[in-house]
Amino acid sequence: SGFDIISFDVFDTVLRRKYYEPDYAKYLLGKELTKENVFESPEYFVAARNKAELTCRQTKHFQQDVCITEIYTQLARDVNVANKTTEDWMNKEFYFDLEMSLPKDEMVEIVKQLSQEGKEIWFITDIYYTKQQVENMLRKIGIAVPYRLFVSSDLGKRKDAGTMWSHIKEL
């Protein structure tokens, strides 16, 4: 009660996924692409997708976060397909993850209560999704209160590297 601003992470704090495997949305996309004979197996797609993400992170020396658009641009280069094709894949990966997104009901209620009490709500999260995608996920799980959203891929800063906290401190 002594604070005006209350912050939360998004993933595994107010949002949970139907399945606990973090790569499940990628796996579902891999299944679809395997049926279309684009990849030899879902596992092969997940490995290629994760390798593209790692390459992007290495390019930034693990100091900044990467965005899903960067990952799929790198994947297009890695597997030699058009960017438009991987853009479609990117949108499907997000769709699968959005479909699996569920609220952690007790936490969503706490957020609503705090907002009703006049607290300013901030969400601070490390994720490769865009800010708009995270907003869509929050809306899906029932977050309808005013909030500020800080997304690592949008800001190029990470909590684990300390750059996000430095940014927040300057506000």
N, C-alpha and C. Protein backbone atom coordinates (compact mmCIF):
# COMPACT_ATOMS: atom_id res chain seq x y z
N SER A 1 0.82 -1.21 0.00
CA SER A 1 0.00 0.00 0.00
C SER A 1 0.85 1.26 0.00
N GLY A 2 2.13 1.15 0.28
CA GLY A 2 2.98 2.32 0.34
C GLY A 2 3.59 2.71 -0.99
N PHE A 3 3.17 2.09 -2.07
CA PHE A 3 3.76 2.35 -3.37
C PHE A 3 2.70 2.84 -4.34
N ASP A 4 3.09 3.78 -5.19
CA ASP A 4 2.18 4.30 -6.20
C ASP A 4 2.22 3.48 -7.48
N ILE A 5 3.37 2.89 -7.78
CA ILE A 5 3.56 2.09 -8.99
C ILE A 5 3.83 0.66 -8.59
N ILE A 6 3.07 -0.26 -9.17
CA ILE A 6 3.26 -1.69 -8.91
C ILE A 6 3.60 -2.35 -10.24
N SER A 7 4.69 -3.11 -10.28
CA SER A 7 5.10 -3.75 -11.53
C SER A 7 4.97 -5.26 -11.44
N PHE A 8 4.72 -5.84 -12.59
CA PHE A 8 4.59 -7.29 -12.73
C PHE A 8 5.32 -7.72 -13.99
N ASP A 9 5.80 -8.95 -13.99
CA ASP A 9 6.20 -9.58 -15.25
C ASP A 9 4.90 -10.03 -15.90
N VAL A 10 4.97 -10.45 -17.14
CA VAL A 10 3.79 -10.94 -17.85
C VAL A 10 3.75 -12.46 -17.80
N PHE A 11 4.77 -13.09 -18.37
CA PHE A 11 4.77 -14.53 -18.58
C PHE A 11 5.06 -15.28 -17.28
N ASP A 12 4.18 -16.21 -16.97
CA ASP A 12 4.23 -17.01 -15.75
C ASP A 12 3.94 -16.18 -14.49
N THR A 13 3.47 -14.96 -14.67
CA THR A 13 3.06 -14.13 -13.54
C THR A 13 1.57 -13.82 -13.65
N VAL A 14 1.16 -13.13 -14.72
CA VAL A 14 -0.28 -12.90 -14.94
C VAL A 14 -0.80 -13.75 -16.09
N LEU A 15 0.10 -14.23 -16.91
CA LEU A 15 -0.26 -15.07 -18.06
C LEU A 15 0.40 -16.43 -17.92
N ARG A 16 -0.39 -17.46 -18.14
CA ARG A 16 0.16 -18.82 -18.18
C ARG A 16 -0.20 -19.41 -19.52
N ARG A 17 0.47 -20.48 -19.85
CA ARG A 17 0.18 -21.14 -21.11
C ARG A 17 -0.50 -22.47 -20.84
N LYS A 18 -1.34 -22.86 -21.77
CA LYS A 18 -2.07 -24.12 -21.65
C LYS A 18 -1.11 -25.30 -21.50
N TYR A 19 0.01 -25.23 -22.21
CA TYR A 19 1.03 -26.27 -22.12
C TYR A 19 2.30 -25.66 -21.55
N TYR A 20 3.01 -26.41 -20.74
CA TYR A 20 4.16 -25.85 -20.04
C TYR A 20 5.44 -25.83 -20.87
N GLU A 21 5.48 -26.57 -21.95
CA GLU A 21 6.66 -26.60 -22.80
C GLU A 21 6.81 -25.25 -23.50
N PRO A 22 7.90 -24.52 -23.25
CA PRO A 22 8.03 -23.18 -23.81
C PRO A 22 8.08 -23.14 -25.35
N ASP A 23 8.52 -24.21 -25.97
CA ASP A 23 8.62 -24.24 -27.43
C ASP A 23 7.38 -24.84 -28.09
N TYR A 24 6.29 -25.00 -27.38
CA TYR A 24 5.14 -25.71 -27.94
C TYR A 24 4.53 -24.99 -29.14
N ALA A 25 4.45 -23.66 -29.10
CA ALA A 25 3.92 -22.92 -30.26
C ALA A 25 4.81 -23.15 -31.48
N LYS A 26 6.11 -23.16 -31.25
CA LYS A 26 7.05 -23.43 -32.35
C LYS A 26 6.84 -24.85 -32.86
N TYR A 27 6.64 -25.79 -31.95
CA TYR A 27 6.42 -27.18 -32.34
C TYR A 27 5.15 -27.32 -33.19
N LEU A 28 4.08 -26.64 -32.78
CA LEU A 28 2.84 -26.70 -33.56
C LEU A 28 3.05 -26.14 -34.96
N LEU A 29 3.79 -25.05 -35.04
CA LEU A 29 4.11 -24.49 -36.36
C LEU A 29 4.96 -25.49 -37.15
N GLY A 30 5.91 -26.11 -36.48
CA GLY A 30 6.75 -27.12 -37.14
C GLY A 30 5.93 -28.28 -37.67
N LYS A 31 4.92 -28.71 -36.92
CA LYS A 31 4.03 -29.79 -37.39
C LYS A 31 3.33 -29.37 -38.67
N GLU A 32 2.84 -28.15 -38.69
CA GLU A 32 2.15 -27.65 -39.87
C GLU A 32 3.10 -27.56 -41.07
N LEU A 33 4.31 -27.06 -40.84
CA LEU A 33 5.28 -26.93 -41.93
C LEU A 33 5.79 -28.29 -42.40
N THR A 34 5.81 -29.25 -41.51
CA THR A 34 6.20 -30.61 -41.89
C THR A 34 5.14 -31.23 -42.79
N LYS A 35 3.87 -31.01 -42.45
CA LYS A 35 2.77 -31.51 -43.30
C LYS A 35 2.83 -30.89 -44.69
N GLU A 36 3.32 -29.65 -44.77
CA GLU A 36 3.46 -28.95 -46.06
C GLU A 36 4.78 -29.30 -46.75
N ASN A 37 5.54 -30.24 -46.17
CA ASN A 37 6.83 -30.69 -46.71
C ASN A 37 7.87 -29.57 -46.79
N VAL A 38 7.79 -28.61 -45.87
CA VAL A 38 8.77 -27.53 -45.83
C VAL A 38 9.96 -27.96 -44.97
N PHE A 39 9.69 -28.67 -43.87
CA PHE A 39 10.72 -29.19 -42.98
C PHE A 39 10.52 -30.68 -42.82
N GLU A 40 11.59 -31.39 -42.49
CA GLU A 40 11.51 -32.85 -42.38
C GLU A 40 10.81 -33.31 -41.11
N SER A 41 10.80 -32.45 -40.08
CA SER A 41 10.11 -32.81 -38.84
C SER A 41 9.85 -31.54 -38.04
N PRO A 42 8.89 -31.60 -37.11
CA PRO A 42 8.66 -30.44 -36.24
C PRO A 42 9.91 -30.09 -35.42
N GLU A 43 10.60 -31.11 -34.99
CA GLU A 43 11.81 -30.89 -34.19
C GLU A 43 12.89 -30.16 -35.00
N TYR A 44 12.99 -30.50 -36.27
CA TYR A 44 13.96 -29.84 -37.13
C TYR A 44 13.61 -28.35 -37.27
N PHE A 45 12.32 -28.05 -37.44
CA PHE A 45 11.92 -26.64 -37.52
C PHE A 45 12.24 -25.91 -36.22
N VAL A 46 11.89 -26.51 -35.07
CA VAL A 46 12.15 -25.86 -33.78
C VAL A 46 13.65 -25.59 -33.63
N ALA A 47 14.47 -26.55 -34.02
CA ALA A 47 15.92 -26.36 -33.93
C ALA A 47 16.38 -25.22 -34.84
N ALA A 48 15.85 -25.16 -36.05
CA ALA A 48 16.23 -24.08 -36.98
C ALA A 48 15.75 -22.73 -36.46
N ARG A 49 14.55 -22.69 -35.94
CA ARG A 49 13.98 -21.45 -35.39
C ARG A 49 14.80 -20.97 -34.19
N ASN A 50 15.16 -21.90 -33.30
CA ASN A 50 15.94 -21.54 -32.12
C ASN A 50 17.37 -21.15 -32.48
N LYS A 51 17.91 -21.78 -33.50
CA LYS A 51 19.25 -21.41 -33.97
C LYS A 51 19.24 -19.98 -34.51
N ALA A 52 18.20 -19.62 -35.25
CA ALA A 52 18.09 -18.26 -35.77
C ALA A 52 18.02 -17.25 -34.62
N GLU A 53 17.28 -17.59 -33.59
CA GLU A 53 17.19 -16.71 -32.42
C GLU A 53 18.55 -16.56 -31.74
N LEU A 54 19.25 -17.67 -31.59
CA LEU A 54 20.57 -17.63 -30.97
C LEU A 54 21.53 -16.77 -31.79
N THR A 55 21.49 -16.89 -33.09
CA THR A 55 22.34 -16.08 -33.96
C THR A 55 22.07 -14.60 -33.74
N CYS A 56 20.80 -14.24 -33.66
CA CYS A 56 20.43 -12.84 -33.41
C CYS A 56 20.95 -12.37 -32.06
N ARG A 57 20.84 -13.21 -31.05
CA ARG A 57 21.32 -12.84 -29.71
C ARG A 57 22.85 -12.70 -29.70
N GLN A 58 23.52 -13.61 -30.39
CA GLN A 58 24.99 -13.55 -30.46
C GLN A 58 25.44 -12.27 -31.15
N THR A 59 24.73 -11.86 -32.19
CA THR A 59 25.05 -10.64 -32.91
C THR A 59 25.01 -9.43 -31.99
N LYS A 60 24.10 -9.48 -31.02
CA LYS A 60 23.97 -8.38 -30.05
C LYS A 60 24.74 -8.65 -28.76
N HIS A 61 25.60 -9.66 -28.79
CA HIS A 61 26.45 -10.01 -27.65
C HIS A 61 25.64 -10.24 -26.38
N PHE A 62 24.40 -10.73 -26.54
CA PHE A 62 23.51 -11.06 -25.43
C PHE A 62 23.24 -9.86 -24.52
N GLN A 63 23.46 -8.65 -25.01
CA GLN A 63 23.25 -7.46 -24.20
C GLN A 63 21.90 -6.81 -24.46
N GLN A 64 21.36 -7.01 -25.64
CA GLN A 64 20.06 -6.46 -25.99
C GLN A 64 19.14 -7.61 -26.35
N ASP A 65 17.86 -7.39 -26.23
CA ASP A 65 16.95 -8.46 -26.62
C ASP A 65 16.68 -8.37 -28.11
N VAL A 66 16.19 -9.45 -28.64
CA VAL A 66 15.87 -9.52 -30.06
C VAL A 66 14.36 -9.58 -30.22
N CYS A 67 13.92 -9.21 -31.40
CA CYS A 67 12.50 -9.21 -31.71
C CYS A 67 12.18 -10.39 -32.62
N ILE A 68 10.97 -10.86 -32.53
CA ILE A 68 10.55 -12.00 -33.34
C ILE A 68 10.72 -11.70 -34.83
N THR A 69 10.58 -10.44 -35.22
CA THR A 69 10.78 -10.10 -36.64
C THR A 69 12.24 -10.31 -37.05
N GLU A 70 13.17 -9.98 -36.18
CA GLU A 70 14.58 -10.23 -36.46
C GLU A 70 14.86 -11.73 -36.57
N ILE A 71 14.25 -12.48 -35.67
CA ILE A 71 14.47 -13.93 -35.66
C ILE A 71 14.01 -14.54 -36.98
N TYR A 72 12.83 -14.18 -37.42
CA TYR A 72 12.32 -14.77 -38.65
C TYR A 72 13.02 -14.24 -39.90
N THR A 73 13.57 -13.04 -39.85
CA THR A 73 14.41 -12.54 -40.95
C THR A 73 15.68 -13.39 -41.03
N GLN A 74 16.26 -13.69 -39.86
CA GLN A 74 17.44 -14.55 -39.82
C GLN A 74 17.10 -15.96 -40.29
N LEU A 75 15.95 -16.47 -39.88
CA LEU A 75 15.53 -17.81 -40.30
C LEU A 75 15.38 -17.86 -41.83
N ALA A 76 14.85 -16.80 -42.43
CA ALA A 76 14.71 -16.75 -43.89
C ALA A 76 16.08 -16.91 -44.55
N ARG A 77 17.09 -16.24 -44.00
CA ARG A 77 18.45 -16.38 -44.54
C ARG A 77 18.98 -17.79 -44.32
N ASP A 78 18.75 -18.32 -43.11
CA ASP A 78 19.31 -19.63 -42.76
C ASP A 78 18.74 -20.76 -43.63
N VAL A 79 17.45 -20.70 -43.93
CA VAL A 79 16.83 -21.80 -44.67
C VAL A 79 16.53 -21.43 -46.12
N ASN A 80 16.99 -20.22 -46.51
CA ASN A 80 16.92 -19.77 -47.89
C ASN A 80 15.48 -19.73 -48.43
N VAL A 81 14.62 -19.01 -47.70
CA VAL A 81 13.25 -18.78 -48.17
C VAL A 81 12.98 -17.27 -48.11
N ALA A 82 11.93 -16.85 -48.76
CA ALA A 82 11.59 -15.44 -48.82
C ALA A 82 11.15 -14.91 -47.45
N ASN A 83 11.48 -13.65 -47.20
CA ASN A 83 11.06 -13.02 -45.94
C ASN A 83 9.55 -13.05 -45.77
N LYS A 84 8.80 -12.90 -46.85
CA LYS A 84 7.33 -12.94 -46.78
C LYS A 84 6.87 -14.29 -46.25
N THR A 85 7.53 -15.34 -46.67
CA THR A 85 7.19 -16.68 -46.20
C THR A 85 7.41 -16.81 -44.71
N THR A 86 8.58 -16.37 -44.24
CA THR A 86 8.85 -16.49 -42.80
C THR A 86 8.02 -15.50 -42.00
N GLU A 87 7.60 -14.41 -42.61
CA GLU A 87 6.69 -13.49 -41.91
C GLU A 87 5.36 -14.20 -41.62
N ASP A 88 4.89 -14.99 -42.57
CA ASP A 88 3.68 -15.79 -42.35
C ASP A 88 3.91 -16.80 -41.24
N TRP A 89 5.07 -17.43 -41.23
CA TRP A 89 5.39 -18.39 -40.17
C TRP A 89 5.40 -17.69 -38.81
N MET A 90 6.01 -16.51 -38.77
CA MET A 90 6.09 -15.74 -37.53
C MET A 90 4.69 -15.46 -36.99
N ASN A 91 3.80 -15.03 -37.86
CA ASN A 91 2.44 -14.72 -37.44
C ASN A 91 1.72 -15.97 -36.94
N LYS A 92 1.99 -17.11 -37.56
CA LYS A 92 1.37 -18.35 -37.10
C LYS A 92 1.92 -18.77 -35.74
N GLU A 93 3.23 -18.62 -35.53
CA GLU A 93 3.80 -18.95 -34.22
C GLU A 93 3.12 -18.13 -33.14
N PHE A 94 2.98 -16.82 -33.40
CA PHE A 94 2.33 -15.97 -32.41
C PHE A 94 0.87 -16.40 -32.20
N TYR A 95 0.17 -16.70 -33.28
CA TYR A 95 -1.22 -17.13 -33.17
C TYR A 95 -1.34 -18.37 -32.29
N PHE A 96 -0.46 -19.35 -32.50
CA PHE A 96 -0.49 -20.57 -31.68
C PHE A 96 -0.26 -20.22 -30.21
N ASP A 97 0.71 -19.34 -29.94
CA ASP A 97 1.00 -18.97 -28.55
C ASP A 97 -0.16 -18.18 -27.95
N LEU A 98 -0.74 -17.28 -28.73
CA LEU A 98 -1.88 -16.51 -28.25
C LEU A 98 -3.04 -17.44 -27.88
N GLU A 99 -3.28 -18.43 -28.71
CA GLU A 99 -4.37 -19.38 -28.46
C GLU A 99 -4.15 -20.15 -27.16
N MET A 100 -2.90 -20.39 -26.80
CA MET A 100 -2.58 -21.15 -25.59
C MET A 100 -2.48 -20.27 -24.35
N SER A 101 -2.60 -18.95 -24.52
CA SER A 101 -2.44 -18.02 -23.41
C SER A 101 -3.69 -18.00 -22.54
N LEU A 102 -3.47 -18.18 -21.26
CA LEU A 102 -4.56 -18.20 -20.27
C LEU A 102 -4.19 -17.28 -19.11
N PRO A 103 -5.20 -16.75 -18.43
CA PRO A 103 -4.88 -15.90 -17.28
C PRO A 103 -4.49 -16.72 -16.05
N LYS A 104 -3.62 -16.17 -15.25
CA LYS A 104 -3.45 -16.67 -13.89
C LYS A 104 -4.46 -15.85 -13.10
N ASP A 105 -5.64 -16.42 -12.93
CA ASP A 105 -6.80 -15.68 -12.45
C ASP A 105 -6.54 -14.86 -11.20
N GLU A 106 -5.86 -15.45 -10.23
CA GLU A 106 -5.63 -14.74 -8.97
C GLU A 106 -4.76 -13.51 -9.19
N MET A 107 -3.81 -13.58 -10.10
CA MET A 107 -2.93 -12.45 -10.37
C MET A 107 -3.65 -11.37 -11.17
N VAL A 108 -4.47 -11.78 -12.12
CA VAL A 108 -5.26 -10.81 -12.89
C VAL A 108 -6.18 -10.04 -11.95
N GLU A 109 -6.75 -10.74 -10.98
CA GLU A 109 -7.62 -10.07 -10.00
C GLU A 109 -6.83 -9.08 -9.14
N ILE A 110 -5.62 -9.46 -8.75
CA ILE A 110 -4.78 -8.55 -7.97
C ILE A 110 -4.47 -7.29 -8.78
N VAL A 111 -4.16 -7.46 -10.05
CA VAL A 111 -3.89 -6.31 -10.92
C VAL A 111 -5.11 -5.40 -10.97
N LYS A 112 -6.30 -5.99 -11.15
CA LYS A 112 -7.53 -5.20 -11.20
C LYS A 112 -7.77 -4.45 -9.89
N GLN A 113 -7.58 -5.14 -8.77
CA GLN A 113 -7.78 -4.51 -7.45
C GLN A 113 -6.83 -3.34 -7.25
N LEU A 114 -5.57 -3.56 -7.57
CA LEU A 114 -4.58 -2.50 -7.39
C LEU A 114 -4.90 -1.29 -8.26
N SER A 115 -5.34 -1.55 -9.47
CA SER A 115 -5.72 -0.46 -10.35
C SER A 115 -6.92 0.32 -9.79
N GLN A 116 -7.90 -0.42 -9.27
CA GLN A 116 -9.07 0.23 -8.66
C GLN A 116 -8.69 1.07 -7.45
N GLU A 117 -7.62 0.68 -6.77
CA GLU A 117 -7.12 1.43 -5.62
C GLU A 117 -6.29 2.65 -6.04
N GLY A 118 -6.17 2.86 -7.35
CA GLY A 118 -5.44 4.02 -7.86
C GLY A 118 -3.97 3.81 -8.08
N LYS A 119 -3.52 2.57 -8.00
CA LYS A 119 -2.11 2.27 -8.24
C LYS A 119 -1.84 2.30 -9.74
N GLU A 120 -0.65 2.75 -10.10
CA GLU A 120 -0.22 2.70 -11.50
C GLU A 120 0.37 1.32 -11.75
N ILE A 121 -0.08 0.66 -12.80
CA ILE A 121 0.36 -0.70 -13.11
C ILE A 121 1.36 -0.66 -14.25
N TRP A 122 2.48 -1.34 -14.03
CA TRP A 122 3.50 -1.48 -15.07
C TRP A 122 3.73 -2.97 -15.29
N PHE A 123 3.86 -3.37 -16.54
CA PHE A 123 4.29 -4.71 -16.90
C PHE A 123 5.66 -4.58 -17.53
N ILE A 124 6.62 -5.36 -17.02
CA ILE A 124 8.00 -5.32 -17.49
C ILE A 124 8.38 -6.75 -17.83
N THR A 125 8.67 -7.01 -19.11
CA THR A 125 8.88 -8.39 -19.51
C THR A 125 9.99 -8.55 -20.53
N ASP A 126 10.74 -9.63 -20.40
CA ASP A 126 11.75 -10.03 -21.39
C ASP A 126 11.09 -11.04 -22.32
N ILE A 127 10.91 -10.65 -23.56
CA ILE A 127 10.29 -11.56 -24.54
C ILE A 127 10.62 -11.04 -25.94
N TYR A 128 10.66 -11.96 -26.88
CA TYR A 128 10.94 -11.57 -28.27
C TYR A 128 9.71 -11.08 -29.00
N TYR A 129 8.53 -11.24 -28.43
CA TYR A 129 7.33 -10.72 -29.08
C TYR A 129 7.35 -9.19 -29.10
N THR A 130 6.62 -8.61 -30.06
CA THR A 130 6.52 -7.16 -30.15
C THR A 130 5.64 -6.63 -29.03
N LYS A 131 5.73 -5.36 -28.80
CA LYS A 131 4.89 -4.73 -27.77
C LYS A 131 3.42 -4.93 -28.11
N GLN A 132 3.05 -4.78 -29.38
CA GLN A 132 1.66 -4.98 -29.80
C GLN A 132 1.20 -6.41 -29.55
N GLN A 133 2.06 -7.37 -29.80
CA GLN A 133 1.71 -8.77 -29.56
C GLN A 133 1.48 -9.02 -28.07
N VAL A 134 2.33 -8.46 -27.22
CA VAL A 134 2.16 -8.63 -25.78
C VAL A 134 0.87 -7.95 -25.32
N GLU A 135 0.58 -6.78 -25.88
CA GLU A 135 -0.69 -6.11 -25.56
C GLU A 135 -1.87 -7.00 -25.93
N ASN A 136 -1.81 -7.67 -27.08
CA ASN A 136 -2.87 -8.58 -27.50
C ASN A 136 -3.02 -9.74 -26.51
N MET A 137 -1.91 -10.25 -26.02
CA MET A 137 -1.95 -11.34 -25.05
C MET A 137 -2.58 -10.86 -23.74
N LEU A 138 -2.18 -9.68 -23.29
CA LEU A 138 -2.75 -9.14 -22.05
C LEU A 138 -4.26 -8.92 -22.19
N ARG A 139 -4.68 -8.42 -23.33
CA ARG A 139 -6.12 -8.23 -23.57
C ARG A 139 -6.84 -9.57 -23.54
N LYS A 140 -6.23 -10.59 -24.16
CA LYS A 140 -6.87 -11.91 -24.20
C LYS A 140 -7.09 -12.48 -22.81
N ILE A 141 -6.15 -12.23 -21.90
CA ILE A 141 -6.28 -12.82 -20.56
C ILE A 141 -7.11 -11.94 -19.62
N GLY A 142 -7.63 -10.84 -20.13
CA GLY A 142 -8.54 -10.04 -19.33
C GLY A 142 -7.95 -8.83 -18.64
N ILE A 143 -6.77 -8.42 -19.03
CA ILE A 143 -6.19 -7.20 -18.47
C ILE A 143 -6.81 -6.03 -19.23
N ALA A 144 -7.71 -5.32 -18.55
CA ALA A 144 -8.42 -4.21 -19.18
C ALA A 144 -8.21 -2.90 -18.42
N VAL A 145 -7.28 -2.90 -17.48
CA VAL A 145 -7.00 -1.69 -16.71
C VAL A 145 -5.90 -0.89 -17.42
N PRO A 146 -5.78 0.39 -17.13
CA PRO A 146 -4.66 1.15 -17.71
C PRO A 146 -3.33 0.61 -17.19
N TYR A 147 -2.33 0.58 -18.05
CA TYR A 147 -1.01 0.12 -17.65
C TYR A 147 0.04 0.67 -18.59
N ARG A 148 1.29 0.62 -18.13
CA ARG A 148 2.45 0.90 -18.98
C ARG A 148 3.11 -0.44 -19.23
N LEU A 149 3.59 -0.60 -20.46
CA LEU A 149 4.19 -1.87 -20.85
C LEU A 149 5.61 -1.63 -21.34
N PHE A 150 6.54 -2.36 -20.76
CA PHE A 150 7.94 -2.30 -21.13
C PHE A 150 8.34 -3.69 -21.64
N VAL A 151 8.62 -3.79 -22.93
CA VAL A 151 8.93 -5.07 -23.56
C VAL A 151 10.38 -5.03 -24.04
N SER A 152 11.14 -6.02 -23.64
CA SER A 152 12.57 -6.03 -23.94
C SER A 152 12.86 -5.95 -25.44
N SER A 153 12.08 -6.65 -26.25
CA SER A 153 12.34 -6.62 -27.69
C SER A 153 12.08 -5.25 -28.28
N ASP A 154 11.14 -4.52 -27.72
CA ASP A 154 10.80 -3.18 -28.18
C ASP A 154 11.86 -2.17 -27.77
N LEU A 155 12.37 -2.31 -26.56
CA LEU A 155 13.33 -1.35 -26.02
C LEU A 155 14.78 -1.75 -26.26
N GLY A 156 15.01 -3.00 -26.63
CA GLY A 156 16.38 -3.47 -26.81
C GLY A 156 17.12 -3.60 -25.49
N LYS A 157 16.38 -3.78 -24.41
CA LYS A 157 16.98 -3.87 -23.07
C LYS A 157 16.47 -5.15 -22.40
N ARG A 158 17.27 -5.67 -21.47
CA ARG A 158 16.89 -6.91 -20.80
C ARG A 158 17.00 -6.77 -19.29
N LYS A 159 16.09 -7.47 -18.59
CA LYS A 159 16.14 -7.47 -17.14
C LYS A 159 17.38 -8.21 -16.65
N ASP A 160 17.66 -9.37 -17.24
CA ASP A 160 18.77 -10.18 -16.74
C ASP A 160 20.13 -9.54 -17.00
N ALA A 161 20.22 -8.66 -17.98
CA ALA A 161 21.47 -7.94 -18.24
C ALA A 161 21.55 -6.64 -17.45
N GLY A 162 20.44 -6.26 -16.81
CA GLY A 162 20.41 -5.05 -16.00
C GLY A 162 20.06 -3.79 -16.79
N THR A 163 20.05 -3.87 -18.12
CA THR A 163 19.79 -2.68 -18.93
C THR A 163 18.34 -2.21 -18.81
N MET A 164 17.41 -3.13 -18.61
CA MET A 164 16.01 -2.75 -18.44
C MET A 164 15.83 -1.98 -17.14
N TRP A 165 16.49 -2.45 -16.08
CA TRP A 165 16.35 -1.79 -14.78
C TRP A 165 16.95 -0.39 -14.81
N SER A 166 18.05 -0.23 -15.51
CA SER A 166 18.64 1.11 -15.65
C SER A 166 17.68 2.03 -16.38
N HIS A 167 17.04 1.52 -17.39
CA HIS A 167 16.06 2.29 -18.16
C HIS A 167 14.88 2.69 -17.27
N ILE A 168 14.35 1.75 -16.53
CA ILE A 168 13.20 2.01 -15.65
C ILE A 168 13.57 3.06 -14.59
N LYS A 169 14.76 2.94 -14.06
CA LYS A 169 15.22 3.84 -13.01
C LYS A 169 15.27 5.31 -13.50
N GLU A 170 15.54 5.47 -14.81
CA GLU A 170 15.65 6.82 -15.37
C GLU A 170 14.29 7.48 -15.59
N LEU A 171 13.21 6.71 -15.51
CA LEU A 171 11.89 7.27 -15.78
C LEU A 171 11.36 8.12 -14.64
